[in-house]
């Protein structure tokens, strides 16, 4: 009657939930370099703890009843309309042949015999239609009786956040670049952009603590104009950069004054690059942040200007 592909997600804490209709749109396969990194990783114990059984149980308790409810509603709606149409059509025909049988009977009693059809045949036709109506209604009633089959697991995938690989990269490159050093990278990036703005003759001010959609407010002397700069510091070799929804909307609202500053930090060296009009559209309503390929943004960037 109906088949539906469903996706279930199991989290490290053992909880299970629906992953939506197309979670794979946010995923990509690991590349050869990431595959090499994974060879040194020991998978956590929870992955081996009856994952399939837990997923099947969740699907049977939550997804299957929801699917059955949706299909049942559609089916009952369709069958209901069909019943009305069948009832109207066959009832009209039955009434016609009932009336025709009575007319022929009266004619026969008056001595007027119809050579083509008699009252008996007309009555038989009416009875056949009545039996057909009952049979069809019974068939339609059976169509409304639905029962679900058990869910079937077709496959599974281990989903790793891209930050997992970024941390492995940072750790393998230098202990100083591990996750605990994020603050140092951010500060190095901020200082590099502040110095670049001063070298260009502007007056930068750190407003990152205000959470206004950018980190630096740089004034243009003698004009009253402001440059709004969002600073993203990344260690050398990082693949992506995360931008919040507020930052993207700020950039779209101030296209002529907003700058995305990308700063690659390598040890004590921090090199800023500026990207103008970095975003083309606002994120989806439910998205809190968006990951961008750092390489593509760098290709659009220029030296501070």
Protein backbone atom coordinates (compact mmCIF):
# COMPACT_ATOMS: atom_id res chain seq x y z
CA UNK A 1 0.00 0.00 0.00
CA UNK A 2 2.79 2.41 0.88
CA UNK A 3 6.53 2.39 1.48
CA UNK A 4 8.53 5.21 2.97
CA UNK A 5 12.24 5.68 3.54
CA UNK A 6 12.88 6.98 7.05
CA UNK A 7 16.09 8.06 8.78
CA UNK A 8 16.85 7.50 12.45
CA UNK A 9 19.73 9.03 14.34
CA UNK A 10 21.37 7.57 17.44
CA UNK A 11 23.47 9.91 19.55
CA UNK A 12 26.50 9.03 21.69
CA UNK A 13 24.39 9.23 24.86
CA UNK A 14 22.23 6.38 23.53
CA UNK A 15 19.19 8.50 22.73
CA UNK A 16 17.39 7.85 19.44
CA UNK A 17 15.41 10.33 17.36
CA UNK A 18 14.10 10.91 13.87
CA UNK A 19 16.74 12.46 11.59
CA UNK A 20 14.20 14.00 9.20
CA UNK A 21 13.48 13.18 5.57
CA UNK A 22 16.86 13.99 3.99
CA UNK A 23 19.66 14.34 6.57
CA UNK A 24 22.22 13.18 3.99
CA UNK A 25 22.02 16.59 2.32
CA UNK A 26 24.17 17.89 5.20
CA UNK A 27 26.71 15.06 4.93
CA UNK A 28 29.54 14.15 2.60
CA UNK A 29 31.78 11.08 2.36
CA UNK A 30 35.17 11.15 4.05
CA UNK A 31 38.06 11.79 1.69
CA UNK A 32 41.24 9.72 1.49
CA UNK A 33 43.10 11.98 3.92
CA UNK A 34 40.33 11.75 6.52
CA UNK A 35 40.17 7.99 6.02
CA UNK A 36 43.88 7.83 6.89
CA UNK A 37 43.27 9.85 10.05
CA UNK A 38 40.51 7.46 11.11
CA UNK A 39 42.85 4.48 11.10
CA UNK A 40 44.30 5.69 14.38
CA UNK A 41 40.89 6.19 16.02
CA UNK A 42 39.27 3.67 18.36
CA UNK A 43 35.53 3.67 17.88
CA UNK A 44 33.52 4.36 21.06
CA UNK A 45 31.85 1.46 22.81
CA UNK A 46 28.28 2.72 22.28
CA UNK A 47 28.51 2.00 18.55
CA UNK A 48 28.58 -1.73 19.33
CA UNK A 49 25.67 -1.71 21.82
CA UNK A 50 22.65 -3.05 19.91
CA UNK A 51 22.36 -0.02 17.66
CA UNK A 52 20.16 -1.79 15.13
CA UNK A 53 17.82 -3.12 17.81
CA UNK A 54 17.40 0.33 19.36
CA UNK A 55 16.74 1.88 15.95
CA UNK A 56 14.16 -0.82 15.11
CA UNK A 57 12.40 -0.28 18.43
CA UNK A 58 12.25 3.48 17.91
CA UNK A 59 10.97 3.07 14.35
CA UNK A 60 8.28 0.61 15.43
CA UNK A 61 7.11 2.85 18.28
CA UNK A 62 7.24 6.23 16.55
CA UNK A 63 7.81 6.23 12.78
CA UNK A 64 5.59 3.31 11.79
CA UNK A 65 2.49 4.59 13.68
CA UNK A 66 2.96 8.06 12.15
CA UNK A 67 3.28 6.60 8.65
CA UNK A 68 0.26 4.35 9.22
CA UNK A 69 -1.79 7.32 10.43
CA UNK A 70 -0.92 9.38 7.35
CA UNK A 71 -1.63 6.53 4.92
CA UNK A 72 -4.85 5.63 6.71
CA UNK A 73 -6.13 9.18 6.50
CA UNK A 74 -5.41 9.37 2.76
CA UNK A 75 -6.89 5.94 2.14
CA UNK A 76 -10.08 6.57 4.11
CA UNK A 77 -10.52 9.87 2.33
CA UNK A 78 -10.12 8.25 -1.10
CA UNK A 79 -12.27 5.22 -0.24
CA UNK A 80 -14.94 7.48 1.23
CA UNK A 81 -15.20 9.49 -1.98
CA UNK A 82 -15.24 6.29 -4.04
CA UNK A 83 -18.04 4.86 -1.90
CA UNK A 84 -20.17 7.95 -2.44
CA UNK A 85 -19.61 7.81 -6.21
CA UNK A 86 -20.37 4.06 -6.40
CA UNK A 87 -23.43 4.39 -4.19
CA UNK A 88 -24.83 7.26 -6.24
CA UNK A 89 -24.22 5.62 -9.60
CA UNK A 90 -25.46 2.11 -8.76
CA UNK A 91 -28.38 3.32 -6.65
CA UNK A 92 -29.54 5.43 -9.60
CA UNK A 93 -29.32 2.40 -11.92
CA UNK A 94 -31.12 0.15 -9.43
CA UNK A 95 -33.90 2.68 -9.06
CA UNK A 96 -34.20 2.90 -12.85
CA UNK A 97 -34.53 -0.87 -13.30
CA UNK A 98 -36.93 -1.17 -10.35
CA UNK A 99 -39.12 1.45 -11.96
CA UNK A 100 -38.74 -0.18 -15.39
CA UNK A 101 -39.71 -3.59 -13.98
CA UNK A 102 -42.92 -2.12 -12.50
CA UNK A 103 -43.77 -0.38 -15.77
CA UNK A 104 -43.24 -3.60 -17.77
CA UNK A 105 -45.29 -5.57 -15.24
CA UNK A 106 -48.21 -3.18 -15.67
CA UNK A 107 -47.93 -3.40 -19.46
CA UNK A 108 -47.90 -7.20 -19.33
CA UNK A 109 -51.02 -7.24 -17.15
CA UNK A 110 -52.67 -4.95 -19.72
CA UNK A 111 -51.77 -7.38 -22.49
CA UNK A 112 -48.98 -5.28 -23.96
CA UNK A 113 -46.00 -7.63 -24.14
CA UNK A 114 -42.54 -6.12 -24.87
CA UNK A 115 -40.73 -8.37 -27.30
CA UNK A 116 -37.24 -7.06 -26.32
CA UNK A 117 -37.44 -7.21 -22.50
CA UNK A 118 -39.97 -8.30 -19.93
CA UNK A 119 -40.52 -7.37 -16.30
CA UNK A 120 -38.65 -10.46 -15.09
CA UNK A 121 -35.47 -9.49 -16.90
CA UNK A 122 -35.73 -5.93 -15.64
CA UNK A 123 -36.19 -7.19 -12.07
CA UNK A 124 -33.21 -9.53 -12.50
CA UNK A 125 -31.12 -6.60 -13.73
CA UNK A 126 -32.09 -4.55 -10.67
CA UNK A 127 -31.22 -7.47 -8.34
CA UNK A 128 -27.84 -7.95 -10.05
CA UNK A 129 -27.01 -4.28 -9.59
CA UNK A 130 -28.06 -4.42 -5.94
CA UNK A 131 -25.76 -7.42 -5.35
CA UNK A 132 -22.97 -5.63 -7.23
CA UNK A 133 -23.40 -2.55 -5.03
CA UNK A 134 -23.18 -4.61 -1.83
CA UNK A 135 -20.14 -6.48 -3.11
CA UNK A 136 -18.35 -3.27 -4.12
CA UNK A 137 -19.11 -1.56 -0.80
CA UNK A 138 -17.73 -4.61 1.03
CA UNK A 139 -14.53 -4.47 -1.07
CA UNK A 140 -14.09 -0.77 -0.29
CA UNK A 141 -14.61 -1.41 3.42
CA UNK A 142 -11.82 -4.01 3.24
CA UNK A 143 -9.51 -1.44 1.60
CA UNK A 144 -9.83 0.75 4.70
CA UNK A 145 -8.49 -2.02 6.94
CA UNK A 146 -4.74 -1.33 7.02
CA UNK A 147 -2.06 -2.92 9.15
CA UNK A 148 1.66 -2.06 9.24
CA UNK A 149 4.53 -4.38 8.43
CA UNK A 150 7.58 -4.26 10.72
CA UNK A 151 10.29 -1.76 9.72
CA UNK A 152 13.36 -3.01 7.89
CA UNK A 153 16.86 -1.60 8.41
CA UNK A 154 18.51 -1.07 5.02
CA UNK A 155 21.84 0.32 6.17
CA UNK A 156 23.72 2.55 8.54
CA UNK A 157 26.40 5.21 8.59
CA UNK A 158 28.69 6.69 11.19
CA UNK A 159 28.38 10.49 11.02
CA UNK A 160 31.35 12.47 12.30
CA UNK A 161 31.31 16.26 12.74
CA UNK A 162 33.82 18.06 10.53
CA UNK A 163 35.25 19.54 13.74
CA UNK A 164 36.34 16.03 14.69
CA UNK A 165 38.79 15.98 11.80
CA UNK A 166 39.82 19.57 12.36
CA UNK A 167 40.82 18.75 15.93
CA UNK A 168 42.75 15.72 14.72
CA UNK A 169 44.55 17.91 12.17
CA UNK A 170 45.40 20.51 14.79
CA UNK A 171 46.60 17.88 17.22
CA UNK A 172 48.75 16.09 14.65
CA UNK A 173 50.30 19.35 13.40
CA UNK A 174 51.27 20.82 16.71
CA UNK A 175 50.05 20.39 20.32
CA UNK A 176 49.77 24.18 20.52
CA UNK A 177 47.10 24.10 17.85
CA UNK A 178 44.74 21.72 19.60
CA UNK A 179 41.17 22.74 20.57
CA UNK A 180 42.28 24.25 23.87
CA UNK A 181 44.28 26.81 21.87
CA UNK A 182 41.27 28.20 20.05
CA UNK A 183 41.27 31.37 22.15
CA UNK A 184 44.88 32.12 21.21
CA UNK A 185 44.06 31.71 17.51
CA UNK A 186 41.08 34.04 17.82
CA UNK A 187 43.10 36.69 19.64
CA UNK A 188 45.93 36.47 17.10
CA UNK A 189 43.40 36.93 14.28
CA UNK A 190 41.75 39.92 15.99
CA UNK A 191 45.12 41.61 16.59
CA UNK A 192 46.17 41.05 12.98
CA UNK A 193 43.00 42.67 11.62
CA UNK A 194 43.18 45.57 14.09
CA UNK A 195 46.75 46.29 12.97
CA UNK A 196 45.77 46.01 9.30
CA UNK A 197 42.97 48.54 9.81
CA UNK A 198 45.33 50.96 11.54
CA UNK A 199 47.86 50.59 8.72
CA UNK A 200 45.09 51.55 6.27
CA UNK A 201 44.39 54.72 8.27
CA UNK A 202 41.18 53.62 9.93
CA UNK A 203 40.26 53.58 13.63
CA UNK A 204 39.22 50.06 14.69
CA UNK A 205 37.29 49.18 17.86
CA UNK A 206 36.76 45.68 19.27
CA UNK A 207 33.00 45.08 19.69
CA UNK A 208 33.09 41.27 19.66
CA UNK A 209 31.73 41.04 23.22
CA UNK A 210 28.55 42.85 22.14
CA UNK A 211 27.47 40.03 19.77
CA UNK A 212 26.21 42.43 17.11
CA UNK A 213 27.05 40.32 14.05
CA UNK A 214 30.65 41.49 13.60
CA UNK A 215 33.81 41.76 15.71
CA UNK A 216 35.38 45.08 14.72
CA UNK A 217 33.81 48.46 14.08
CA UNK A 218 36.34 50.47 12.08
CA UNK A 219 35.63 54.15 11.51
CA UNK A 220 36.77 56.08 8.45
CA UNK A 221 38.25 59.43 9.67
CA UNK A 222 36.52 62.55 8.43
CA UNK A 223 33.55 60.74 6.86
CA UNK A 224 31.46 59.32 9.70
CA UNK A 225 31.38 56.00 7.86
CA UNK A 226 31.99 52.65 9.54
CA UNK A 227 33.45 49.37 8.32
CA UNK A 228 31.92 46.28 9.94
CA UNK A 229 34.43 43.45 10.09
CA UNK A 230 33.75 39.86 11.14
CA UNK A 231 37.01 38.09 12.00
CA UNK A 232 37.50 34.36 11.50
CA UNK A 233 40.81 32.96 12.70
CA UNK A 234 41.75 29.49 11.54
CA UNK A 235 44.85 27.40 12.01
CA UNK A 236 46.87 26.69 8.90
CA UNK A 237 45.37 23.80 6.91
CA UNK A 238 41.82 24.15 8.27
CA UNK A 239 39.17 23.23 5.72
CA UNK A 240 36.05 25.08 6.82
CA UNK A 241 34.90 28.20 8.60
CA UNK A 242 31.67 28.50 10.58
CA UNK A 243 29.55 31.62 10.25
CA UNK A 244 26.52 32.31 12.46
CA UNK A 245 23.09 33.23 11.16
CA UNK A 246 23.38 36.71 12.73
CA UNK A 247 26.70 37.33 10.98
CA UNK A 248 25.30 36.29 7.59
CA UNK A 249 22.22 38.49 7.98
CA UNK A 250 24.41 41.43 9.06
CA UNK A 251 26.52 40.99 5.93
CA UNK A 252 23.43 40.89 3.70
CA UNK A 253 21.95 43.97 5.39
CA UNK A 254 25.20 45.98 5.06
CA UNK A 255 26.64 44.71 1.75
CA UNK A 256 28.78 47.81 1.07
CA UNK A 257 30.26 48.10 4.55
CA UNK A 258 30.63 44.51 5.74
CA UNK A 259 33.96 42.65 5.46
CA UNK A 260 34.67 39.02 6.29
CA UNK A 261 38.27 38.88 7.48
CA UNK A 262 39.89 35.45 7.17
CA UNK A 263 43.08 35.06 9.16
CA UNK A 264 45.32 32.04 8.80
CA UNK A 265 47.33 31.58 11.98
CA UNK A 266 50.56 29.63 11.76
CA UNK A 267 52.48 29.77 15.01
CA UNK A 268 53.18 33.45 15.68
CA UNK A 269 52.30 34.45 12.13
CA UNK A 270 48.79 35.72 11.30
CA UNK A 271 47.89 36.76 7.76
CA UNK A 272 44.52 38.47 7.19
CA UNK A 273 42.56 38.37 3.92
CA UNK A 274 39.39 40.39 3.23
CA UNK A 275 36.26 39.06 1.49
CA UNK A 276 33.65 41.52 0.23
CA UNK A 277 30.04 40.34 -0.25
CA UNK A 278 30.92 36.88 1.07
CA UNK A 279 27.34 35.53 1.25
CA UNK A 280 24.71 35.33 -1.49
CA UNK A 281 21.59 34.39 0.46
CA UNK A 282 20.35 34.10 4.01
CA UNK A 283 20.48 30.72 5.76
CA UNK A 284 17.44 28.50 6.25
CA UNK A 285 15.07 29.61 8.99
CA UNK A 286 16.11 26.81 11.38
CA UNK A 287 19.87 27.16 10.76
CA UNK A 288 21.89 28.69 13.60
CA UNK A 289 25.12 28.61 11.63
CA UNK A 290 26.55 27.57 8.26
CA UNK A 291 29.88 25.94 7.39
CA UNK A 292 31.72 27.32 4.36
CA UNK A 293 34.66 25.87 2.49
CA UNK A 294 37.61 28.01 3.55
CA UNK A 295 39.42 27.43 0.26
CA UNK A 296 36.55 28.89 -1.78
CA UNK A 297 36.32 31.98 0.42
CA UNK A 298 40.08 32.51 0.19
CA UNK A 299 39.80 32.46 -3.62
CA UNK A 300 37.37 35.41 -3.40
CA UNK A 301 39.57 37.33 -0.95
CA UNK A 302 42.05 40.18 -1.36
CA UNK A 303 44.70 41.78 0.83
CA UNK A 304 43.29 44.24 3.39
CA UNK A 305 42.11 47.38 1.61
